[in-house]
Amino acid sequence: MSAANAELTVRVVRGIRYARARRFERPVLESPGPDRLDARAPQPGVEGSEDCLHLTVWTPEGVTAVPVLVWIHGGAHVSGGVDDPVTDGSHLAATQGLVVVAVQYRLGALGHLLGDGTEVGQDAANAALHDQLAALRWVRDHIATFGGDPSAVTLMGQSAGGVDVLAHLGASTGEGLFHRVIAHSCTAERAMSLAHAARVRDAFLGAAGVGSVREAADLPVAALMAAQTRVIDRLSAAAPIDAIPFRPVIDGRLLPERPLEAIASGAGADIPLLIGSARREAVPWMAKGVAEEHALAAVLREVAPSASIAELSAAYEIDRGRRSAQGELREAVLSELMYRSPVDRVVGARAAAHGAAATFVFDFDPAGLTGVDAGHSGELPMVFGTSTAPAATELMSRMVDAWGSFARGGRPSSEASWCDASEGVFRWGAHPQMIPASDPALRAALAAAGAVCDRL
């Protein structure tokens, strides 16, 4: 189906409960009922409700057994919800003939707090991932009543949601809950060791003024959110970029190893993957009024002490065809370290596994298109068809078609030139096209300097 076709009428059902969960415990699946939930998960600045395990379904009227797209929102594992107008599923459902499902799940400490042997929270370290699995099981069991095909499910996430999607790809549950994967601006390395998770847990318990997870289970949710904020602020102050202390944990139960290693060993090798990032991911992190001549040096001291600014500048000039202005080099370095190199390592891990399924890589660079955000999350209005920028109309239409065709058949068939990752990267911009690689000189220079971003 093409976006040029007449749009289908879409029915939306919001607030469908898919599970219930007691604090720090695994979710318990529920069948669809008449009650509707409307609160976000508790998060900074939002009181929300712990009774937040619900989803939204957008379904074209009159369809039967059409492919399903399940969306996992981002938000640094501590914020977000299914009600973001940018990721409204109406346009995708209407133009692509898909049933779109957006999943809400537990966040922050409520979604990722390691247990401490008090028989409370033994699965709490990955409660968020268990919530998402529960939602996928709900889709398997009930999506047919909404016109969806449970044997044709695409799991899609961006940023923290993409991290979770790659964790599911590497977890190898063997249930066949999804059959295609789309991951934006993410890493398969953001999974804490037990030792790291224990340090975060202990810092959280200390900030909350309690001695155990059992005691934390009895605190008001506002006290938990306050403690969570104190931990994030404290760790971010000591990090070169910022910190994400609440994230998936290699718990030996759901996640036996880092997703990157699992993928390299063949996990999900039979599942088609569409993955990529924005060329200018770091735009939101470029604070104004910073002394740029010192800011990049400060970052490099933490992540790549042996890196030469002169060599990085030369690499930038090779990739971009011009010298970098103040701030541009720091933005490029941060973009590469935070998301672009991690995406490339996922692609490399897939290649090492020699799997049968294809990998399609994208690079989002809307230079010259007025009103189109070039930074982190900037591609989402293009993919969901929610951008109102006049300059975005053609690009948005093509991206909606590409993502829709991948969700329907496992390849972005609407773009005949978009080849497997072995052939290069598809750059989305004013003139979408395949390119051999995206900023390879800068990537090589940072890799040679052993650059590592602890933000992962």
Protein backbone atom coordinates (compact mmCIF):
# COMPACT_ATOMS: atom_id res chain seq x y z
CA MET A 1 0.00 0.00 0.00
CA SER A 2 1.31 3.46 -0.83
CA ALA A 3 0.72 6.75 0.94
CA ALA A 4 -0.59 7.93 -2.42
CA ASN A 5 -3.57 5.60 -2.04
CA ALA A 6 -6.78 6.74 -0.44
CA GLU A 7 -6.45 6.66 3.32
CA LEU A 8 -8.42 4.09 5.26
CA THR A 9 -10.71 5.12 8.09
CA VAL A 10 -8.99 4.38 11.39
CA ARG A 11 -10.55 3.43 14.71
CA VAL A 12 -8.51 4.19 17.82
CA VAL A 13 -8.96 2.48 21.18
CA ARG A 14 -6.98 4.03 24.01
CA GLY A 15 -6.16 2.88 27.51
CA ILE A 16 -6.56 -0.88 27.03
CA ARG A 17 -5.20 -2.65 30.08
CA TYR A 18 -2.87 -5.49 29.05
CA ALA A 19 -1.59 -6.46 32.51
CA ARG A 20 -1.49 -5.62 36.19
CA ALA A 21 1.66 -5.53 38.31
CA ARG A 22 2.43 -5.05 41.95
CA ARG A 23 5.42 -2.82 42.65
CA PHE A 24 8.74 -4.52 41.75
CA GLU A 25 6.97 -7.68 40.59
CA ARG A 26 6.36 -9.26 37.19
CA PRO A 27 3.21 -8.23 35.30
CA VAL A 28 0.21 -10.55 35.14
CA LEU A 29 -1.60 -10.62 31.79
CA GLU A 30 -5.22 -9.55 31.52
CA SER A 31 -7.79 -10.03 28.77
CA PRO A 32 -9.40 -6.92 27.27
CA GLY A 33 -12.09 -5.41 29.47
CA PRO A 34 -14.40 -2.41 29.45
CA ASP A 35 -12.29 -0.29 31.83
CA ARG A 36 -9.86 2.22 30.33
CA LEU A 37 -6.65 3.52 31.89
CA ASP A 38 -5.35 7.00 31.13
CA ALA A 39 -2.37 7.74 33.37
CA ARG A 40 1.27 7.74 32.34
CA ALA A 41 3.78 5.78 34.35
CA PRO A 42 5.15 7.80 37.30
CA GLN A 43 8.07 9.94 36.08
CA PRO A 44 9.78 13.26 36.76
CA GLY A 45 7.19 16.03 36.64
CA VAL A 46 4.29 13.63 36.13
CA GLU A 47 2.50 12.07 39.09
CA GLY A 48 1.04 9.35 36.90
CA SER A 49 -0.08 6.04 38.32
CA GLU A 50 1.57 2.72 39.00
CA ASP A 51 -1.53 1.19 37.42
CA CYS A 52 -0.16 2.22 34.04
CA LEU A 53 0.18 -0.96 32.00
CA HIS A 54 -2.00 -0.07 29.08
CA LEU A 55 -1.75 0.31 25.34
CA THR A 56 -3.38 2.12 22.46
CA VAL A 57 -4.51 0.45 19.24
CA TRP A 58 -5.04 2.18 15.89
CA THR A 59 -6.77 -0.13 13.42
CA PRO A 60 -8.12 0.49 9.92
CA GLU A 61 -11.84 -0.19 9.73
CA GLY A 62 -12.83 -3.46 8.12
CA VAL A 63 -9.38 -5.08 7.91
CA THR A 64 -8.64 -8.71 8.70
CA ALA A 65 -5.26 -10.28 9.52
CA VAL A 66 -3.13 -7.28 8.50
CA PRO A 67 0.45 -6.80 9.79
CA VAL A 68 0.96 -5.25 13.22
CA LEU A 69 3.45 -2.58 14.30
CA VAL A 70 4.16 -2.44 18.05
CA TRP A 71 5.75 0.83 19.21
CA ILE A 72 7.98 1.10 22.32
CA HIS A 73 8.47 4.77 23.26
CA GLY A 74 11.76 6.30 24.33
CA GLY A 75 12.62 8.72 27.14
CA ALA A 76 15.97 7.68 28.70
CA HIS A 77 14.14 4.85 30.51
CA VAL A 78 12.59 7.39 32.89
CA SER A 79 9.95 9.30 30.91
CA GLY A 80 7.45 9.12 28.05
CA GLY A 81 4.12 7.49 27.31
CA VAL A 82 1.71 6.41 24.61
CA ASP A 83 0.03 9.82 24.30
CA ASP A 84 2.78 11.70 22.45
CA PRO A 85 1.17 13.37 19.40
CA VAL A 86 4.42 13.02 17.44
CA THR A 87 4.09 9.23 17.52
CA ASP A 88 0.34 9.02 16.99
CA GLY A 89 -0.27 5.89 14.93
CA SER A 90 -3.26 7.14 12.92
CA HIS A 91 -1.41 8.07 9.74
CA LEU A 92 0.64 4.88 9.62
CA ALA A 93 -2.46 2.78 10.12
CA ALA A 94 -4.49 4.73 7.55
CA THR A 95 -1.91 4.86 4.76
CA GLN A 96 -0.07 1.59 5.29
CA GLY A 97 -2.89 -0.77 6.22
CA LEU A 98 -1.28 -1.66 9.54
CA VAL A 99 -2.65 -2.19 13.02
CA VAL A 100 -0.45 0.05 15.19
CA VAL A 101 -0.04 -0.61 18.90
CA ALA A 102 1.71 1.76 21.35
CA VAL A 103 2.80 0.24 24.66
CA GLN A 104 3.18 1.93 28.03
CA TYR A 105 5.46 0.32 30.60
CA ARG A 106 7.12 0.98 33.96
CA LEU A 107 9.97 3.50 34.04
CA GLY A 108 13.01 4.44 36.10
CA ALA A 109 13.50 2.67 39.40
CA LEU A 110 10.04 1.13 39.11
CA GLY A 111 11.17 -0.47 35.85
CA HIS A 112 14.83 -1.25 36.56
CA LEU A 113 15.73 -1.69 40.24
CA LEU A 114 17.85 -4.72 41.08
CA GLY A 115 16.54 -6.90 43.89
CA ASP A 116 18.61 -7.34 47.04
CA GLY A 117 17.74 -10.82 48.31
CA THR A 118 14.78 -9.72 50.43
CA GLU A 119 12.43 -11.79 48.24
CA VAL A 120 11.03 -8.58 46.81
CA GLY A 121 11.82 -7.51 43.29
CA GLN A 122 13.72 -10.51 42.00
CA ASP A 123 12.63 -9.57 38.48
CA ALA A 124 12.43 -5.84 39.14
CA ALA A 125 15.74 -5.16 37.40
CA ASN A 126 14.02 -5.74 34.07
CA ALA A 127 10.40 -5.08 35.02
CA ALA A 128 10.08 -2.71 32.04
CA LEU A 129 11.17 -5.46 29.65
CA HIS A 130 8.80 -7.93 31.30
CA ASP A 131 6.00 -5.38 30.82
CA GLN A 132 6.81 -5.11 27.12
CA LEU A 133 6.88 -8.90 26.77
CA ALA A 134 3.49 -9.05 28.48
CA ALA A 135 2.18 -6.53 25.96
CA LEU A 136 3.55 -8.62 23.08
CA ARG A 137 1.85 -11.70 24.52
CA TRP A 138 -1.37 -9.68 24.75
CA VAL A 139 -0.94 -8.78 21.08
CA ARG A 140 -0.39 -12.45 20.22
CA ASP A 141 -3.56 -13.44 22.05
CA HIS A 142 -5.93 -10.58 21.24
CA ILE A 143 -4.82 -8.49 18.26
CA ALA A 144 -6.88 -10.58 15.81
CA THR A 145 -10.03 -9.01 17.28
CA PHE A 146 -8.67 -5.65 16.09
CA GLY A 147 -7.94 -6.96 12.59
CA GLY A 148 -4.26 -7.69 13.20
CA ASP A 149 -2.19 -10.74 12.28
CA PRO A 150 -0.26 -12.07 15.32
CA SER A 151 2.11 -13.93 12.98
CA ALA A 152 3.27 -10.65 11.33
CA VAL A 153 4.37 -8.38 14.18
CA THR A 154 7.05 -5.70 13.84
CA LEU A 155 8.60 -4.48 17.09
CA MET A 156 9.78 -0.88 16.83
CA GLY A 157 11.45 1.48 19.31
CA GLN A 158 13.49 4.67 19.40
CA SER A 159 16.20 5.83 21.83
CA ALA A 160 15.53 4.02 25.14
CA GLY A 161 12.71 2.19 23.37
CA GLY A 162 15.22 1.09 20.74
CA VAL A 163 17.57 -0.12 23.47
CA ASP A 164 14.72 -2.24 24.82
CA VAL A 165 13.85 -3.56 21.37
CA LEU A 166 17.45 -4.69 20.83
CA ALA A 167 17.41 -6.29 24.27
CA HIS A 168 14.38 -8.32 23.18
CA LEU A 169 16.14 -9.19 19.92
CA GLY A 170 19.08 -10.55 21.89
CA ALA A 171 17.10 -12.23 24.66
CA SER A 172 16.02 -15.22 22.53
CA THR A 173 12.82 -16.05 24.41
CA GLY A 174 11.87 -18.48 21.67
CA GLU A 175 8.21 -17.44 21.79
CA GLY A 176 8.07 -15.90 18.33
CA LEU A 177 6.33 -12.79 19.65
CA PHE A 178 7.72 -10.56 16.88
CA HIS A 179 8.93 -11.20 13.36
CA ARG A 180 10.59 -7.95 12.26
CA VAL A 181 12.45 -5.26 14.22
CA ILE A 182 12.95 -1.52 13.72
CA ALA A 183 15.40 0.30 16.02
CA HIS A 184 16.17 4.03 15.94
CA SER A 185 19.02 5.90 17.65
CA CYS A 186 19.97 3.22 20.12
CA THR A 187 22.62 0.84 21.36
CA ALA A 188 22.80 -2.87 22.18
CA GLU A 189 25.35 -2.11 24.89
CA ARG A 190 23.23 -0.21 27.42
CA ALA A 191 22.79 -3.15 29.79
CA MET A 192 24.28 -3.00 33.28
CA SER A 193 26.24 -5.75 34.96
CA LEU A 194 24.92 -7.03 38.27
CA ALA A 195 27.69 -5.19 40.09
CA HIS A 196 26.82 -1.89 38.39
CA ALA A 197 23.11 -2.43 39.01
CA ALA A 198 23.84 -3.14 42.69
CA ARG A 199 25.67 0.17 43.01
CA VAL A 200 22.73 2.02 41.44
CA ARG A 201 20.30 0.17 43.73
CA ASP A 202 22.31 1.00 46.84
CA ALA A 203 22.56 4.65 45.81
CA PHE A 204 18.80 4.71 45.24
CA LEU A 205 17.99 3.07 48.58
CA GLY A 206 20.29 5.55 50.32
CA ALA A 207 18.62 8.48 48.58
CA ALA A 208 15.23 7.10 49.60
CA GLY A 209 16.35 6.68 53.21
CA VAL A 210 15.63 2.96 53.40
CA GLY A 211 17.78 -0.13 53.82
CA SER A 212 16.17 -2.63 51.47
CA VAL A 213 14.00 -3.07 48.41
CA ARG A 214 11.34 -4.51 50.73
CA GLU A 215 11.20 -1.18 52.57
CA ALA A 216 11.20 0.74 49.28
CA ALA A 217 8.16 -1.27 48.21
CA ASP A 218 6.18 0.41 51.00
CA LEU A 219 7.18 4.02 50.25
CA PRO A 220 4.86 6.52 48.56
CA VAL A 221 5.59 6.73 44.84
CA ALA A 222 6.50 10.42 45.23
CA ALA A 223 9.33 9.44 47.58
CA LEU A 224 10.63 6.96 45.00
CA MET A 225 10.57 9.59 42.26
CA ALA A 226 12.43 12.07 44.48
CA ALA A 227 15.10 9.47 45.26
CA GLN A 228 15.38 8.56 41.59
CA THR A 229 15.94 12.20 40.63
CA ARG A 230 18.63 12.62 43.27
CA VAL A 231 20.50 9.57 41.96
CA ILE A 232 20.29 10.70 38.34
CA ASP A 233 21.45 14.23 39.20
CA ARG A 234 24.36 12.95 41.27
CA LEU A 235 25.60 10.52 38.62
CA SER A 236 25.05 12.96 35.75
CA ALA A 237 27.17 15.58 37.51
CA ALA A 238 30.11 13.17 37.41
CA ALA A 239 29.58 11.97 33.81
CA PRO A 240 31.14 13.49 30.66
CA ILE A 241 27.74 13.81 28.96
CA ASP A 242 24.97 12.67 31.28
CA ALA A 243 23.99 9.44 32.99
CA ILE A 244 21.31 6.81 32.50
CA PRO A 245 21.49 4.78 35.70
CA PHE A 246 18.12 3.05 35.30
CA ARG A 247 18.33 0.73 32.29
CA PRO A 248 18.26 -2.98 31.40
CA VAL A 249 20.32 -5.30 33.60
CA ILE A 250 22.22 -8.47 32.71
CA ASP A 251 20.35 -10.36 35.39
CA GLY A 252 21.03 -13.94 34.31
CA ARG A 253 17.30 -14.46 34.05
CA LEU A 254 15.82 -12.49 31.18
CA LEU A 255 19.16 -11.11 29.89
CA PRO A 256 22.03 -13.62 30.14
CA GLU A 257 24.51 -11.29 28.41
CA ARG A 258 24.77 -7.91 26.73
CA PRO A 259 22.43 -7.82 23.74
CA LEU A 260 25.34 -6.91 21.44
CA GLU A 261 27.17 -10.14 22.26
CA ALA A 262 23.96 -12.15 21.98
CA ILE A 263 23.29 -10.65 18.53
CA ALA A 264 26.85 -11.40 17.42
CA SER A 265 26.30 -15.01 18.53
CA GLY A 266 23.23 -15.28 16.31
CA ALA A 267 20.31 -14.16 18.47
CA GLY A 268 17.60 -12.79 16.19
CA ALA A 269 19.64 -13.60 13.09
CA ASP A 270 16.51 -14.84 11.32
CA ILE A 271 14.60 -11.61 12.02
CA PRO A 272 14.85 -8.74 9.50
CA LEU A 273 16.18 -5.54 11.09
CA LEU A 274 15.83 -1.90 10.03
CA ILE A 275 18.15 0.27 12.13
CA GLY A 276 19.72 3.71 12.01
CA SER A 277 20.25 7.11 13.54
CA ALA A 278 20.27 10.82 12.80
CA ARG A 279 23.52 12.28 11.49
CA ARG A 280 23.21 15.11 14.03
CA GLU A 281 21.92 13.18 17.03
CA ALA A 282 23.61 15.46 19.57
CA VAL A 283 21.76 18.67 18.63
CA PRO A 284 19.68 18.57 21.88
CA TRP A 285 22.85 18.28 23.99
CA MET A 286 24.53 21.34 22.50
CA ALA A 287 23.97 23.90 25.25
CA LYS A 288 24.27 27.52 24.16
CA GLY A 289 26.80 29.80 25.73
CA VAL A 290 29.42 27.04 26.06
CA ALA A 291 33.07 27.86 25.42
CA GLU A 292 33.46 25.43 22.53
CA GLU A 293 37.24 25.57 22.49
CA HIS A 294 37.21 23.98 25.94
CA ALA A 295 34.04 21.86 25.79
CA LEU A 296 35.28 19.31 23.24
CA ALA A 297 38.61 18.94 25.03
CA ALA A 298 36.74 18.27 28.28
CA VAL A 299 34.64 15.54 26.66
CA LEU A 300 37.66 13.94 25.02
CA ARG A 301 39.57 13.87 28.31
CA GLU A 302 36.85 11.58 29.65
CA VAL A 303 36.05 9.39 26.65
CA ALA A 304 39.20 9.43 24.47
CA PRO A 305 42.26 10.95 26.16
CA SER A 306 44.51 10.00 23.25
CA ALA A 307 42.30 11.60 20.60
CA SER A 308 43.75 14.51 18.71
CA ILE A 309 41.42 17.42 17.97
CA ALA A 310 43.47 18.16 14.87
CA GLU A 311 42.99 14.61 13.59
CA LEU A 312 39.29 14.70 14.37
CA SER A 313 38.98 18.03 12.55
CA ALA A 314 40.73 16.54 9.54
CA ALA A 315 38.38 13.54 9.60
CA TYR A 316 35.37 15.87 9.78
CA GLU A 317 36.64 17.75 6.73
CA ILE A 318 37.03 14.49 4.80
CA ASP A 319 33.47 13.41 5.64
CA ARG A 320 31.70 16.75 5.23
CA GLY A 321 33.83 18.40 2.58
CA ARG A 322 34.49 21.46 4.70
CA ARG A 323 36.15 22.50 7.94
CA SER A 324 34.09 22.38 11.09
CA ALA A 325 32.86 25.55 12.72
CA GLN A 326 33.00 26.01 16.50
CA GLY A 327 30.72 23.51 18.10
CA GLU A 328 30.16 21.44 14.96
CA LEU A 329 33.03 19.09 15.71
CA ARG A 330 31.84 18.52 19.28
CA GLU A 331 28.33 17.87 18.01
CA ALA A 332 29.66 15.37 15.46
CA VAL A 333 31.82 13.60 18.05
CA LEU A 334 28.96 13.32 20.54
CA SER A 335 26.56 12.12 17.84
CA GLU A 336 29.04 9.45 16.81
CA LEU A 337 29.84 8.25 20.31
CA MET A 338 26.34 8.26 21.75
CA TYR A 339 24.38 6.59 18.95
CA ARG A 340 25.97 6.32 15.52
CA SER A 341 28.93 4.06 16.36
CA PRO A 342 26.73 1.90 18.62
CA VAL A 343 24.30 1.41 15.71
CA ASP A 344 27.25 0.50 13.48
CA ARG A 345 28.38 -2.09 16.03
CA VAL A 346 24.93 -3.71 15.94
CA VAL A 347 25.21 -3.90 12.16
CA GLY A 348 28.66 -5.46 12.54
CA ALA A 349 27.37 -7.97 15.07
CA ARG A 350 24.61 -8.99 12.67
CA ALA A 351 27.18 -9.47 9.91
CA ALA A 352 29.38 -11.58 12.22
CA ALA A 353 26.44 -13.87 12.94
CA HIS A 354 25.98 -14.63 9.21
CA GLY A 355 22.24 -14.81 9.65
CA ALA A 356 19.71 -15.35 6.91
CA ALA A 357 17.73 -12.17 7.54
CA ALA A 358 18.60 -8.83 5.98
CA THR A 359 19.72 -5.69 7.83
CA PHE A 360 18.75 -2.28 6.45
CA VAL A 361 20.57 0.80 7.75
CA PHE A 362 19.45 4.43 7.57
CA ASP A 363 21.00 7.83 8.26
CA PHE A 364 18.70 10.83 8.80
CA ASP A 365 20.14 14.13 7.55
CA PRO A 366 17.46 16.66 6.49
CA ALA A 367 19.90 19.48 5.77
CA GLY A 368 18.21 22.27 3.84
CA LEU A 369 14.65 21.27 4.72
CA THR A 370 13.16 24.17 6.69
CA GLY A 371 11.29 23.22 9.82
CA VAL A 372 12.59 19.64 10.01
CA ASP A 373 14.44 18.78 13.23
CA ALA A 374 17.82 17.25 12.41
CA GLY A 375 18.61 16.02 15.92
CA HIS A 376 17.70 13.12 18.19
CA SER A 377 14.07 12.08 17.55
CA GLY A 378 13.83 14.40 14.55
CA GLU A 379 12.96 11.54 12.20
CA LEU A 380 9.93 10.40 14.21
CA PRO A 381 7.45 12.92 12.71
CA MET A 382 8.64 11.76 9.28
CA VAL A 383 8.10 8.07 10.07
CA PHE A 384 4.74 8.50 11.80
CA GLY A 385 3.51 11.08 9.30
CA THR A 386 2.84 13.76 11.92
CA SER A 387 5.12 16.56 10.69
CA THR A 388 3.41 19.81 9.73
CA ALA A 389 6.47 21.36 8.07
CA PRO A 390 5.62 22.21 4.43
CA ALA A 391 9.17 21.31 3.38
CA ALA A 392 8.78 17.84 4.86
CA THR A 393 5.84 16.63 2.76
CA GLU A 394 7.71 14.59 0.14
CA LEU A 395 10.33 13.21 2.54
CA MET A 396 7.66 12.28 5.07
CA SER A 397 5.57 10.48 2.47
CA ARG A 398 8.52 8.40 1.32
CA MET A 399 9.64 7.54 4.85
CA VAL A 400 6.13 6.50 5.90
CA ASP A 401 6.00 4.23 2.83
CA ALA A 402 9.42 2.75 3.54
CA TRP A 403 8.71 1.96 7.17
CA GLY A 404 5.25 0.67 6.27
CA SER A 405 6.53 -1.64 3.55
CA PHE A 406 9.16 -3.02 5.94
CA ALA A 407 6.48 -3.71 8.54
CA ARG A 408 4.41 -5.51 5.92
CA GLY A 409 7.11 -7.58 4.25
CA GLY A 410 10.47 -7.36 6.02
CA ARG A 411 12.16 -4.98 3.59
CA PRO A 412 11.64 -1.28 2.71
CA SER A 413 10.40 -2.24 -0.73
CA SER A 414 8.96 1.20 -1.51
CA GLU A 415 12.57 2.37 -2.01
CA ALA A 416 13.94 0.12 -4.73
CA SER A 417 17.50 1.38 -4.21
CA TRP A 418 17.59 0.69 -0.45
CA CYS A 419 19.88 -2.35 -0.23
CA ASP A 420 21.08 -4.56 2.58
CA ALA A 421 23.71 -3.15 4.99
CA SER A 422 26.43 -4.96 3.07
CA GLU A 423 25.82 -2.43 0.29
CA GLY A 424 25.84 0.68 2.47
CA VAL A 425 23.52 3.13 4.22
CA PHE A 426 20.34 4.82 3.01
CA ARG A 427 20.55 8.54 3.71
CA TRP A 428 17.20 10.23 4.28
CA GLY A 429 17.29 13.91 3.40
CA ALA A 430 16.40 16.35 0.67
CA HIS A 431 17.60 13.75 -1.88
CA PRO A 432 17.19 10.23 -0.38
CA GLN A 433 19.81 7.82 -1.69
CA MET A 434 22.14 4.96 -0.86
CA ILE A 435 25.65 5.97 0.21
CA PRO A 436 28.63 3.68 0.93
CA ALA A 437 28.97 4.82 4.56
CA SER A 438 28.11 7.71 6.86
CA ASP A 439 31.04 9.75 8.21
CA PRO A 440 33.53 6.86 8.08
CA ALA A 441 36.63 9.03 8.64
CA LEU A 442 35.41 10.46 11.94
CA ARG A 443 34.24 7.02 13.09
CA ALA A 444 37.64 5.52 12.28
CA ALA A 445 39.52 8.34 14.05
CA LEU A 446 37.47 7.92 17.23
CA ALA A 447 37.81 4.13 17.12
CA ALA A 448 41.58 4.42 16.69
CA ALA A 449 41.68 6.62 19.80
CA GLY A 450 39.74 4.01 21.78
CA ALA A 451 36.84 6.38 22.38
CA VAL A 452 34.20 4.97 24.73
CA CYS A 453 31.11 6.81 25.92
CA ASP A 454 30.11 5.73 29.42
CA ARG A 455 26.62 7.05 28.73
CA LEU A 456 25.96 3.69 27.09
